């Protein structure tokens, strides 16, 4: 989830800051390369991991939220400032996309 997006919860949860974002089993070098790409591109979203049982409520500035269901191997490109949350099974990376 985006850091600071939790507005309430019912249940037992642990919230932790993700310094480099999820590692996606890429090892320390992969995590470091992801960190460098996010800083170069400006896509340096601060995340937190949420683990536990119950319900977590997330919001940002009363924006409308669209939930996108992805099938295995599906992909979607999103500007990092428009991400609210995603499950730990989702792989994410910074991609440089051309304009025009």
Protein backbone atom coordinates (compact mmCIF):
# COMPACT_ATOMS: atom_id res chain seq x y z
CA UNK A 1 0.00 0.00 0.00
CA UNK A 2 1.10 3.58 -0.52
CA UNK A 3 2.70 4.97 2.62
CA UNK A 4 0.13 7.01 4.56
CA UNK A 5 -2.91 5.57 2.73
CA UNK A 6 -4.29 3.57 5.67
CA UNK A 7 -7.28 5.42 7.12
CA UNK A 8 -8.59 2.65 9.37
CA UNK A 9 -8.60 -1.05 10.06
CA UNK A 10 -10.45 -3.76 11.98
CA UNK A 11 -8.41 -6.73 13.09
CA UNK A 12 -4.81 -7.54 13.88
CA UNK A 13 -2.24 -6.12 11.44
CA UNK A 14 1.43 -5.29 11.19
CA UNK A 15 2.44 -2.23 9.14
CA UNK A 16 6.05 -1.87 7.98
CA UNK A 17 7.80 0.67 5.78
CA UNK A 18 9.28 -0.79 2.58
CA UNK A 19 12.55 1.02 1.97
CA UNK A 20 13.18 -0.40 -1.51
CA UNK A 21 9.76 -1.82 -2.23
CA UNK A 22 9.07 -5.53 -2.58
CA UNK A 23 12.13 -7.52 -3.58
CA UNK A 24 10.21 -9.93 -5.87
CA UNK A 25 12.90 -12.58 -5.21
CA UNK A 26 15.50 -10.61 -7.18
CA UNK A 27 18.10 -10.58 -4.41
CA UNK A 28 20.00 -7.62 -3.03
CA UNK A 29 21.46 -6.58 -6.39
CA UNK A 30 18.03 -6.65 -8.05
CA UNK A 31 16.56 -4.58 -5.23
CA UNK A 32 19.41 -2.07 -5.54
CA UNK A 33 18.96 -1.80 -9.33
CA UNK A 34 15.22 -1.22 -8.84
CA UNK A 35 16.01 1.52 -6.33
CA UNK A 36 18.38 3.22 -8.80
CA UNK A 37 15.84 3.03 -11.66
CA UNK A 38 13.09 4.49 -9.46
CA UNK A 39 15.31 7.39 -8.43
CA UNK A 40 16.47 8.15 -11.98
CA UNK A 41 12.92 8.06 -13.34
CA UNK A 42 11.34 9.92 -10.42
CA UNK A 43 9.04 6.92 -9.82
CA UNK A 44 10.13 6.61 -6.21
CA UNK A 45 6.87 5.69 -4.46
CA UNK A 46 7.06 5.11 -0.72
CA UNK A 47 5.33 1.86 0.21
CA UNK A 48 4.33 0.00 3.33
CA UNK A 49 3.60 -3.69 3.72
CA UNK A 50 0.46 -4.72 5.57
CA UNK A 51 0.13 -8.22 7.00
CA UNK A 52 -2.54 -9.66 9.26
CA UNK A 53 -6.19 -10.64 9.51
CA UNK A 54 -9.23 -8.39 9.19
CA UNK A 55 -10.09 -5.40 7.01
CA UNK A 56 -7.84 -2.48 6.07
CA UNK A 57 -9.30 0.73 4.63
CA UNK A 58 -7.13 2.75 2.25
CA UNK A 59 -7.73 6.14 0.64
CA UNK A 60 -5.90 9.14 -0.72
CA UNK A 61 -7.34 12.65 -0.97
CA UNK A 62 -10.89 11.30 -1.51
CA UNK A 63 -9.90 10.16 -5.02
CA UNK A 64 -12.04 7.69 -6.94
CA UNK A 65 -10.47 4.21 -6.82
CA UNK A 66 -10.56 1.75 -9.70
CA UNK A 67 -9.79 -1.88 -8.89
CA UNK A 68 -8.10 -3.73 -11.74
CA UNK A 69 -8.22 -7.53 -11.66
CA UNK A 70 -5.22 -9.06 -13.40
CA UNK A 71 -4.86 -12.61 -14.62
CA UNK A 72 -1.50 -14.39 -14.32
CA UNK A 73 1.00 -12.89 -16.77
CA UNK A 74 -1.20 -9.80 -17.40
CA UNK A 75 0.48 -6.43 -17.21
CA UNK A 76 -0.52 -2.82 -16.81
CA UNK A 77 1.47 0.44 -16.91
CA UNK A 78 0.59 2.97 -14.21
CA UNK A 79 2.21 6.18 -13.02
CA UNK A 80 3.44 5.50 -9.49
CA UNK A 81 1.54 8.43 -7.97
CA UNK A 82 -1.70 6.72 -9.08
CA UNK A 83 -1.05 3.47 -7.18
CA UNK A 84 -2.91 2.96 -3.92
CA UNK A 85 -2.21 -0.71 -3.14
CA UNK A 86 -1.50 -4.11 -4.65
CA UNK A 87 -1.07 -7.64 -3.28
CA UNK A 88 2.38 -9.06 -2.59
CA UNK A 89 2.01 -11.52 -5.50
CA UNK A 90 2.14 -8.66 -8.02
CA UNK A 91 5.57 -7.99 -9.55
CA UNK A 92 6.28 -4.36 -10.22
CA UNK A 93 9.15 -2.60 -11.90
CA UNK A 94 10.02 0.75 -13.40
CA UNK A 95 9.79 0.83 -17.19
CA UNK A 96 10.84 3.69 -19.39
CA UNK A 97 8.03 4.44 -21.85
CA UNK A 98 8.56 6.65 -24.88
CA UNK A 99 6.26 9.54 -25.72
CA UNK A 100 4.63 10.45 -28.99
